[in-house]
Amino acid sequence: VRTHDEEVRARAAEEFARRLDAARHAFDSVLWNGTHYRTDTAGSHKDTVFLEQLFGVWYAGLLGVEGLVPEEKALLSTRTAYESNFLAHLDGRIGAMLFTGVAGTCDDRPTTKYNPEDCQSHEALCGINLAFACHLAHVGMEKEAFTLLEAVYRIVYQEKGLWFRTPAAWNAAGDFRAIMNLRPLVIWAMEYSHEGTSGRLGACRQHASAISETKNEHAP
């Protein structure tokens, strides 16, 4: 016989599972375009390749919540962003752009188009690049992750001498802004992604697993 609290938890689990299924279907059916997840269904940036398109999915995965999008689509969209936002812009010399649009191919490689009047379209954001590298590692693209990390390291420690003034962003001209930015601290997620069940992230994973097990126990 279930207690009142168990009944409440079971109903809540059922409701959140229903919402998750609906959201998963809507996200995939409305935004997937064959190569990546679009940012929107309308507007000037609807077909933009957004570097952060699956950051929520990546972070959920770090906490042990997998399967929010099909694995093959997560990998393809991540590779699309890596190639179009990183490799295709200045051969990856300054890092990955936050967003861009795929304009075509040249020598079997994607080419990109940028509008310099768009906010942040000409910048590489340090913290976002580091987070994307962690995301690459999470989907199994570890070689690509370290290629991107190398580009960021080269800008910060070799070419620009920024070191402990690590800024929020820089551009191809060498301009940078917002020194001592906190976003680059996300680099610790690279260690967490290899940490397994130890440490603080491991505790979060275990907590998420316990919640999942509780939901299954109280399922009708």
C-alpha atoms as a PDB file:
ATOM      1  CA  VAL A   1       0.000   0.000   0.000  1.00  0.00           C
ATOM      2  CA  ARG A   2       1.418   3.358  -1.006  1.00  0.00           C
ATOM      3  CA  THR A   3       1.658   6.211   1.437  1.00  0.00           C
ATOM      4  CA  HIS A   4       0.353   9.631   0.460  1.00  0.00           C
ATOM      5  CA  ASP A   5       3.894  10.905  -0.172  1.00  0.00           C
ATOM      6  CA  GLU A   6       4.631   7.959  -2.435  1.00  0.00           C
ATOM      7  CA  GLU A   7       1.468   8.620  -4.410  1.00  0.00           C
ATOM      8  CA  VAL A   8       2.412  12.281  -4.832  1.00  0.00           C
ATOM      9  CA  ARG A   9       5.927  11.387  -5.992  1.00  0.00           C
ATOM     10  CA  ALA A  10       4.581   8.775  -8.394  1.00  0.00           C
ATOM     11  CA  ARG A  11       2.104  11.218  -9.942  1.00  0.00           C
ATOM     12  CA  ALA A  12       4.827  13.860 -10.233  1.00  0.00           C
ATOM     13  CA  ALA A  13       7.152  11.361 -11.919  1.00  0.00           C
ATOM     14  CA  GLU A  14       4.434  10.416 -14.399  1.00  0.00           C
ATOM     15  CA  GLU A  15       3.701  14.060 -15.193  1.00  0.00           C
ATOM     16  CA  PHE A  16       7.344  14.979 -15.728  1.00  0.00           C
ATOM     17  CA  ALA A  17       7.862  11.876 -17.866  1.00  0.00           C
ATOM     18  CA  ARG A  18       4.902  12.962 -20.012  1.00  0.00           C
ATOM     19  CA  ARG A  19       6.310  16.461 -20.379  1.00  0.00           C
ATOM     20  CA  LEU A  20       9.742  15.080 -21.252  1.00  0.00           C
ATOM     21  CA  ASP A  21       8.313  12.875 -24.000  1.00  0.00           C
ATOM     22  CA  ALA A  22       6.359  15.795 -25.454  1.00  0.00           C
ATOM     23  CA  ALA A  23       9.338  18.144 -25.297  1.00  0.00           C
ATOM     24  CA  ARG A  24      11.691  15.563 -26.809  1.00  0.00           C
ATOM     25  CA  HIS A  25       9.315  14.997 -29.733  1.00  0.00           C
ATOM     26  CA  ALA A  26       8.742  18.721 -30.327  1.00  0.00           C
ATOM     27  CA  PHE A  27      12.437  19.602 -30.161  1.00  0.00           C
ATOM     28  CA  ASP A  28      13.403  16.893 -32.622  1.00  0.00           C
ATOM     29  CA  SER A  29      10.533  17.194 -35.082  1.00  0.00           C
ATOM     30  CA  VAL A  30      10.484  21.002 -35.258  1.00  0.00           C
ATOM     31  CA  LEU A  31      14.166  21.981 -35.070  1.00  0.00           C
ATOM     32  CA  TRP A  32      16.127  19.126 -36.655  1.00  0.00           C
ATOM     33  CA  ASN A  33      17.025  19.987 -40.272  1.00  0.00           C
ATOM     34  CA  GLY A  34      19.145  17.027 -41.270  1.00  0.00           C
ATOM     35  CA  THR A  35      22.555  18.339 -40.161  1.00  0.00           C
ATOM     36  CA  HIS A  36      21.923  20.212 -36.899  1.00  0.00           C
ATOM     37  CA  TYR A  37      19.252  21.654 -34.625  1.00  0.00           C
ATOM     38  CA  ARG A  38      18.069  25.085 -35.733  1.00  0.00           C
ATOM     39  CA  THR A  39      17.814  27.967 -33.282  1.00  0.00           C
ATOM     40  CA  ASP A  40      14.228  28.776 -34.268  1.00  0.00           C
ATOM     41  CA  THR A  41      11.538  28.151 -36.863  1.00  0.00           C
ATOM     42  CA  ALA A  42      11.492  31.734 -38.173  1.00  0.00           C
ATOM     43  CA  GLY A  43      13.608  34.874 -38.260  1.00  0.00           C
ATOM     44  CA  SER A  44      16.947  35.827 -39.756  1.00  0.00           C
ATOM     45  CA  HIS A  45      18.873  33.357 -37.604  1.00  0.00           C
ATOM     46  CA  LYS A  46      16.581  30.352 -37.925  1.00  0.00           C
ATOM     47  CA  ASP A  47      19.128  28.306 -39.877  1.00  0.00           C
ATOM     48  CA  THR A  48      22.122  29.474 -37.914  1.00  0.00           C
ATOM     49  CA  VAL A  49      24.547  26.815 -36.724  1.00  0.00           C
ATOM     50  CA  PHE A  50      24.639  27.688 -33.036  1.00  0.00           C
ATOM     51  CA  LEU A  51      27.622  26.416 -31.085  1.00  0.00           C
ATOM     52  CA  GLU A  52      25.506  26.012 -27.939  1.00  0.00           C
ATOM     53  CA  GLN A  53      22.610  24.180 -29.595  1.00  0.00           C
ATOM     54  CA  LEU A  54      23.013  21.090 -27.394  1.00  0.00           C
ATOM     55  CA  PHE A  55      24.696  22.502 -24.302  1.00  0.00           C
ATOM     56  CA  GLY A  56      21.668  21.647 -22.180  1.00  0.00           C
ATOM     57  CA  VAL A  57      21.774  18.080 -23.456  1.00  0.00           C
ATOM     58  CA  TRP A  58      25.523  17.923 -22.791  1.00  0.00           C
ATOM     59  CA  TYR A  59      25.180  19.167 -19.224  1.00  0.00           C
ATOM     60  CA  ALA A  60      22.310  16.791 -18.543  1.00  0.00           C
ATOM     61  CA  GLY A  61      24.555  13.991 -19.785  1.00  0.00           C
ATOM     62  CA  LEU A  62      27.266  15.016 -17.322  1.00  0.00           C
ATOM     63  CA  LEU A  63      24.679  14.571 -14.586  1.00  0.00           C
ATOM     64  CA  GLY A  64      23.759  11.126 -15.860  1.00  0.00           C
ATOM     65  CA  VAL A  65      20.589  12.088 -17.759  1.00  0.00           C
ATOM     66  CA  GLU A  66      21.049  10.627 -21.238  1.00  0.00           C
ATOM     67  CA  GLY A  67      18.831  10.094 -24.254  1.00  0.00           C
ATOM     68  CA  LEU A  68      17.301  13.573 -24.522  1.00  0.00           C
ATOM     69  CA  VAL A  69      18.029  13.585 -28.263  1.00  0.00           C
ATOM     70  CA  PRO A  70      18.898  10.649 -30.553  1.00  0.00           C
ATOM     71  CA  GLU A  71      22.579   9.804 -30.192  1.00  0.00           C
ATOM     72  CA  GLU A  72      23.280   9.863 -33.927  1.00  0.00           C
ATOM     73  CA  LYS A  73      21.724  13.335 -34.277  1.00  0.00           C
ATOM     74  CA  ALA A  74      23.656  14.657 -31.288  1.00  0.00           C
ATOM     75  CA  LEU A  75      26.887  13.479 -32.914  1.00  0.00           C
ATOM     76  CA  LEU A  76      26.031  14.862 -36.366  1.00  0.00           C
ATOM     77  CA  SER A  77      24.926  18.260 -35.060  1.00  0.00           C
ATOM     78  CA  THR A  78      28.076  18.514 -32.943  1.00  0.00           C
ATOM     79  CA  ARG A  79      30.263  17.660 -35.925  1.00  0.00           C
ATOM     80  CA  THR A  80      28.400  20.207 -38.063  1.00  0.00           C
ATOM     81  CA  ALA A  81      29.075  22.930 -35.489  1.00  0.00           C
ATOM     82  CA  TYR A  82      32.729  21.895 -35.183  1.00  0.00           C
ATOM     83  CA  GLU A  83      33.284  22.050 -38.932  1.00  0.00           C
ATOM     84  CA  SER A  84      31.265  25.156 -39.782  1.00  0.00           C
ATOM     85  CA  ASN A  85      31.961  27.300 -36.712  1.00  0.00           C
ATOM     86  CA  PHE A  86      35.555  26.273 -36.069  1.00  0.00           C
ATOM     87  CA  LEU A  87      37.404  24.686 -38.982  1.00  0.00           C
ATOM     88  CA  ALA A  88      35.771  26.760 -41.712  1.00  0.00           C
ATOM     89  CA  HIS A  89      36.571  30.119 -40.120  1.00  0.00           C
ATOM     90  CA  LEU A  90      40.222  31.134 -40.528  1.00  0.00           C
ATOM     91  CA  ASP A  91      41.092  27.424 -40.413  1.00  0.00           C
ATOM     92  CA  GLY A  92      40.283  27.420 -36.701  1.00  0.00           C
ATOM     93  CA  ARG A  93      43.091  29.874 -35.928  1.00  0.00           C
ATOM     94  CA  ILE A  94      41.158  31.940 -33.367  1.00  0.00           C
ATOM     95  CA  GLY A  95      38.699  29.338 -32.100  1.00  0.00           C
ATOM     96  CA  ALA A  96      35.053  28.653 -32.840  1.00  0.00           C
ATOM     97  CA  MET A  97      32.459  31.301 -33.644  1.00  0.00           C
ATOM     98  CA  LEU A  98      29.323  31.396 -31.500  1.00  0.00           C
ATOM     99  CA  PHE A  99      27.061  31.097 -34.527  1.00  0.00           C
ATOM    100  CA  THR A 100      27.294  31.046 -38.291  1.00  0.00           C
ATOM    101  CA  GLY A 101      25.385  29.946 -41.344  1.00  0.00           C
ATOM    102  CA  VAL A 102      26.505  27.284 -43.785  1.00  0.00           C
ATOM    103  CA  ALA A 103      26.777  28.867 -47.237  1.00  0.00           C
ATOM    104  CA  GLY A 104      28.147  25.983 -49.280  1.00  0.00           C
ATOM    105  CA  THR A 105      31.244  23.840 -49.729  1.00  0.00           C
ATOM    106  CA  CYS A 106      34.685  24.382 -51.173  1.00  0.00           C
ATOM    107  CA  ASP A 107      37.079  21.505 -51.773  1.00  0.00           C
ATOM    108  CA  ASP A 108      34.685  19.243 -49.847  1.00  0.00           C
ATOM    109  CA  ARG A 109      34.850  21.519 -46.813  1.00  0.00           C
ATOM    110  CA  PRO A 110      32.067  23.772 -45.539  1.00  0.00           C
ATOM    111  CA  THR A 111      32.350  27.495 -46.116  1.00  0.00           C
ATOM    112  CA  THR A 112      30.628  30.006 -43.917  1.00  0.00           C
ATOM    113  CA  LYS A 113      29.111  33.451 -44.094  1.00  0.00           C
ATOM    114  CA  TYR A 114      29.217  36.098 -41.376  1.00  0.00           C
ATOM    115  CA  ASN A 115      27.481  39.394 -40.891  1.00  0.00           C
ATOM    116  CA  PRO A 116      29.947  41.678 -39.098  1.00  0.00           C
ATOM    117  CA  GLU A 117      27.060  43.811 -37.870  1.00  0.00           C
ATOM    118  CA  ASP A 118      25.570  40.926 -35.921  1.00  0.00           C
ATOM    119  CA  CYS A 119      26.359  40.937 -32.216  1.00  0.00           C
ATOM    120  CA  GLN A 120      29.208  38.544 -31.375  1.00  0.00           C
ATOM    121  CA  SER A 121      29.242  36.961 -34.858  1.00  0.00           C
ATOM    122  CA  HIS A 122      32.881  38.006 -35.379  1.00  0.00           C
ATOM    123  CA  GLU A 123      34.128  36.883 -31.975  1.00  0.00           C
ATOM    124  CA  ALA A 124      35.354  33.686 -30.403  1.00  0.00           C
ATOM    125  CA  LEU A 125      34.000  33.479 -26.845  1.00  0.00           C
ATOM    126  CA  CYS A 126      36.585  31.781 -24.660  1.00  0.00           C
ATOM    127  CA  GLY A 127      34.258  30.122 -22.144  1.00  0.00           C
ATOM    128  CA  ILE A 128      31.880  28.943 -24.854  1.00  0.00           C
ATOM    129  CA  ASN A 129      34.800  27.435 -26.778  1.00  0.00           C
ATOM    130  CA  LEU A 130      35.968  25.567 -23.692  1.00  0.00           C
ATOM    131  CA  ALA A 131      32.437  24.344 -22.988  1.00  0.00           C
ATOM    132  CA  PHE A 132      32.091  23.175 -26.590  1.00  0.00           C
ATOM    133  CA  ALA A 133      35.376  21.288 -26.279  1.00  0.00           C
ATOM    134  CA  CYS A 134      33.933  19.503 -23.246  1.00  0.00           C
ATOM    135  CA  HIS A 135      30.803  18.773 -25.249  1.00  0.00           C
ATOM    136  CA  LEU A 136      32.932  17.329 -28.069  1.00  0.00           C
ATOM    137  CA  ALA A 137      34.647  15.016 -25.602  1.00  0.00           C
ATOM    138  CA  HIS A 138      31.293  13.956 -24.172  1.00  0.00           C
ATOM    139  CA  VAL A 139      30.021  12.745 -27.573  1.00  0.00           C
ATOM    140  CA  GLY A 140      33.258  10.885 -28.264  1.00  0.00           C
ATOM    141  CA  MET A 141      35.052  13.491 -30.409  1.00  0.00           C
ATOM    142  CA  GLU A 142      38.031  13.751 -28.077  1.00  0.00           C
ATOM    143  CA  LYS A 143      40.607  14.442 -30.791  1.00  0.00           C
ATOM    144  CA  GLU A 144      38.512  17.364 -32.034  1.00  0.00           C
ATOM    145  CA  ALA A 145      38.060  18.579 -28.466  1.00  0.00           C
ATOM    146  CA  PHE A 146      41.799  18.897 -27.933  1.00  0.00           C
ATOM    147  CA  THR A 147      42.266  20.519 -31.350  1.00  0.00           C
ATOM    148  CA  LEU A 148      39.864  23.251 -30.240  1.00  0.00           C
ATOM    149  CA  LEU A 149      41.501  23.519 -26.812  1.00  0.00           C
ATOM    150  CA  GLU A 150      44.850  23.937 -28.527  1.00  0.00           C
ATOM    151  CA  ALA A 151      43.509  26.902 -30.528  1.00  0.00           C
ATOM    152  CA  VAL A 152      42.247  28.573 -27.351  1.00  0.00           C
ATOM    153  CA  TYR A 153      45.525  27.882 -25.538  1.00  0.00           C
ATOM    154  CA  ARG A 154      47.509  29.346 -28.427  1.00  0.00           C
ATOM    155  CA  ILE A 155      45.542  32.613 -28.330  1.00  0.00           C
ATOM    156  CA  VAL A 156      45.570  32.996 -24.536  1.00  0.00           C
ATOM    157  CA  TYR A 157      49.087  31.847 -23.671  1.00  0.00           C
ATOM    158  CA  GLN A 158      51.220  32.179 -26.801  1.00  0.00           C
ATOM    159  CA  GLU A 159      50.019  34.754 -29.297  1.00  0.00           C
ATOM    160  CA  LYS A 160      48.240  37.372 -27.141  1.00  0.00           C
ATOM    161  CA  GLY A 161      49.849  36.900 -23.742  1.00  0.00           C
ATOM    162  CA  LEU A 162      46.517  37.145 -21.923  1.00  0.00           C
ATOM    163  CA  TRP A 163      47.273  34.512 -19.325  1.00  0.00           C
ATOM    164  CA  PHE A 164      45.450  35.266 -16.071  1.00  0.00           C
ATOM    165  CA  ARG A 165      43.580  38.113 -17.767  1.00  0.00           C
ATOM    166  CA  THR A 166      41.637  35.519 -19.775  1.00  0.00           C
ATOM    167  CA  PRO A 167      38.887  37.568 -21.460  1.00  0.00           C
ATOM    168  CA  ALA A 168      35.318  36.802 -22.451  1.00  0.00           C
ATOM    169  CA  ALA A 169      36.059  37.021 -26.170  1.00  0.00           C
ATOM    170  CA  TRP A 170      38.492  38.052 -28.915  1.00  0.00           C
ATOM    171  CA  ASN A 171      38.408  38.554 -32.679  1.00  0.00           C
ATOM    172  CA  ALA A 172      40.711  38.016 -35.642  1.00  0.00           C
ATOM    173  CA  ALA A 173      42.117  41.556 -35.341  1.00  0.00           C
ATOM    174  CA  GLY A 174      43.437  40.790 -31.877  1.00  0.00           C
ATOM    175  CA  ASP A 175      40.889  42.869 -29.990  1.00  0.00           C
ATOM    176  CA  PHE A 176      39.563  41.372 -26.765  1.00  0.00           C
ATOM    177  CA  ARG A 177      37.054  42.372 -24.103  1.00  0.00           C
ATOM    178  CA  ALA A 178      35.977  41.661 -20.517  1.00  0.00           C
ATOM    179  CA  ILE A 179      39.231  40.440 -19.021  1.00  0.00           C
ATOM    180  CA  MET A 180      39.239  38.047 -16.054  1.00  0.00           C
ATOM    181  CA  ASN A 181      35.951  36.617 -17.268  1.00  0.00           C
ATOM    182  CA  LEU A 182      34.465  33.741 -15.262  1.00  0.00           C
ATOM    183  CA  ARG A 183      33.120  31.641 -18.138  1.00  0.00           C
ATOM    184  CA  PRO A 184      36.507  30.015 -18.870  1.00  0.00           C
ATOM    185  CA  LEU A 185      36.224  28.241 -15.507  1.00  0.00           C
ATOM    186  CA  VAL A 186      34.073  25.735 -17.408  1.00  0.00           C
ATOM    187  CA  ILE A 187      37.365  24.066 -18.362  1.00  0.00           C
ATOM    188  CA  TRP A 188      36.937  22.061 -15.159  1.00  0.00           C
ATOM    189  CA  ALA A 189      34.114  20.226 -16.914  1.00  0.00           C
ATOM    190  CA  MET A 190      36.765  18.522 -19.041  1.00  0.00           C
ATOM    191  CA  GLU A 191      38.165  16.910 -15.901  1.00  0.00           C
ATOM    192  CA  TYR A 192      34.660  16.107 -14.664  1.00  0.00           C
ATOM    193  CA  SER A 193      33.833  14.350 -17.932  1.00  0.00           C
ATOM    194  CA  HIS A 194      36.644  11.878 -17.189  1.00  0.00           C
ATOM    195  CA  GLU A 195      35.968  11.712 -13.472  1.00  0.00           C
ATOM    196  CA  GLY A 196      33.520   8.830 -13.423  1.00  0.00           C
ATOM    197  CA  THR A 197      31.643   8.462 -10.153  1.00  0.00           C
ATOM    198  CA  SER A 198      34.128  10.299  -7.940  1.00  0.00           C
ATOM    199  CA  GLY A 199      34.045  13.909  -6.824  1.00  0.00           C
ATOM    200  CA  ARG A 200      31.238  16.462  -6.866  1.00  0.00           C
ATOM    201  CA  LEU A 201      29.955  15.625 -10.330  1.00  0.00           C
ATOM    202  CA  GLY A 202      29.869  11.967  -9.384  1.00  0.00           C
ATOM    203  CA  ALA A 203      27.669  12.868  -6.427  1.00  0.00           C
ATOM    204  CA  CYS A 204      25.291  14.686  -8.772  1.00  0.00           C
ATOM    205  CA  ARG A 205      25.211  11.654 -11.044  1.00  0.00           C
ATOM    206  CA  GLN A 206      24.440   9.358  -8.140  1.00  0.00           C
ATOM    207  CA  HIS A 207      21.668  11.688  -6.998  1.00  0.00           C
ATOM    208  CA  ALA A 208      20.133  11.730 -10.486  1.00  0.00           C
ATOM    209  CA  SER A 209      20.367   7.940 -10.611  1.00  0.00           C
ATOM    210  CA  ALA A 210      18.654   7.653  -7.237  1.00  0.00           C
ATOM    211  CA  ILE A 211      15.805   9.876  -8.426  1.00  0.00           C
ATOM    212  CA  SER A 212      15.420   7.734 -11.549  1.00  0.00           C
ATOM    213  CA  GLU A 213      15.340   4.544  -9.474  1.00  0.00           C
ATOM    214  CA  THR A 214      12.737   6.055  -7.138  1.00  0.00           C
ATOM    215  CA  LYS A 215      10.575   6.970 -10.151  1.00  0.00           C
ATOM    216  CA  ASN A 216      10.781   3.404 -11.445  1.00  0.00           C
ATOM    217  CA  GLU A 217       9.915   1.964  -8.044  1.00  0.00           C
ATOM    218  CA  HIS A 218       6.779   4.054  -7.840  1.00  0.00           C
ATOM    219  CA  ALA A 219       5.698   3.604 -11.418  1.00  0.00           C
ATOM    220  CA  PRO A 220       2.278   1.940 -11.667  1.00  0.00           C
END
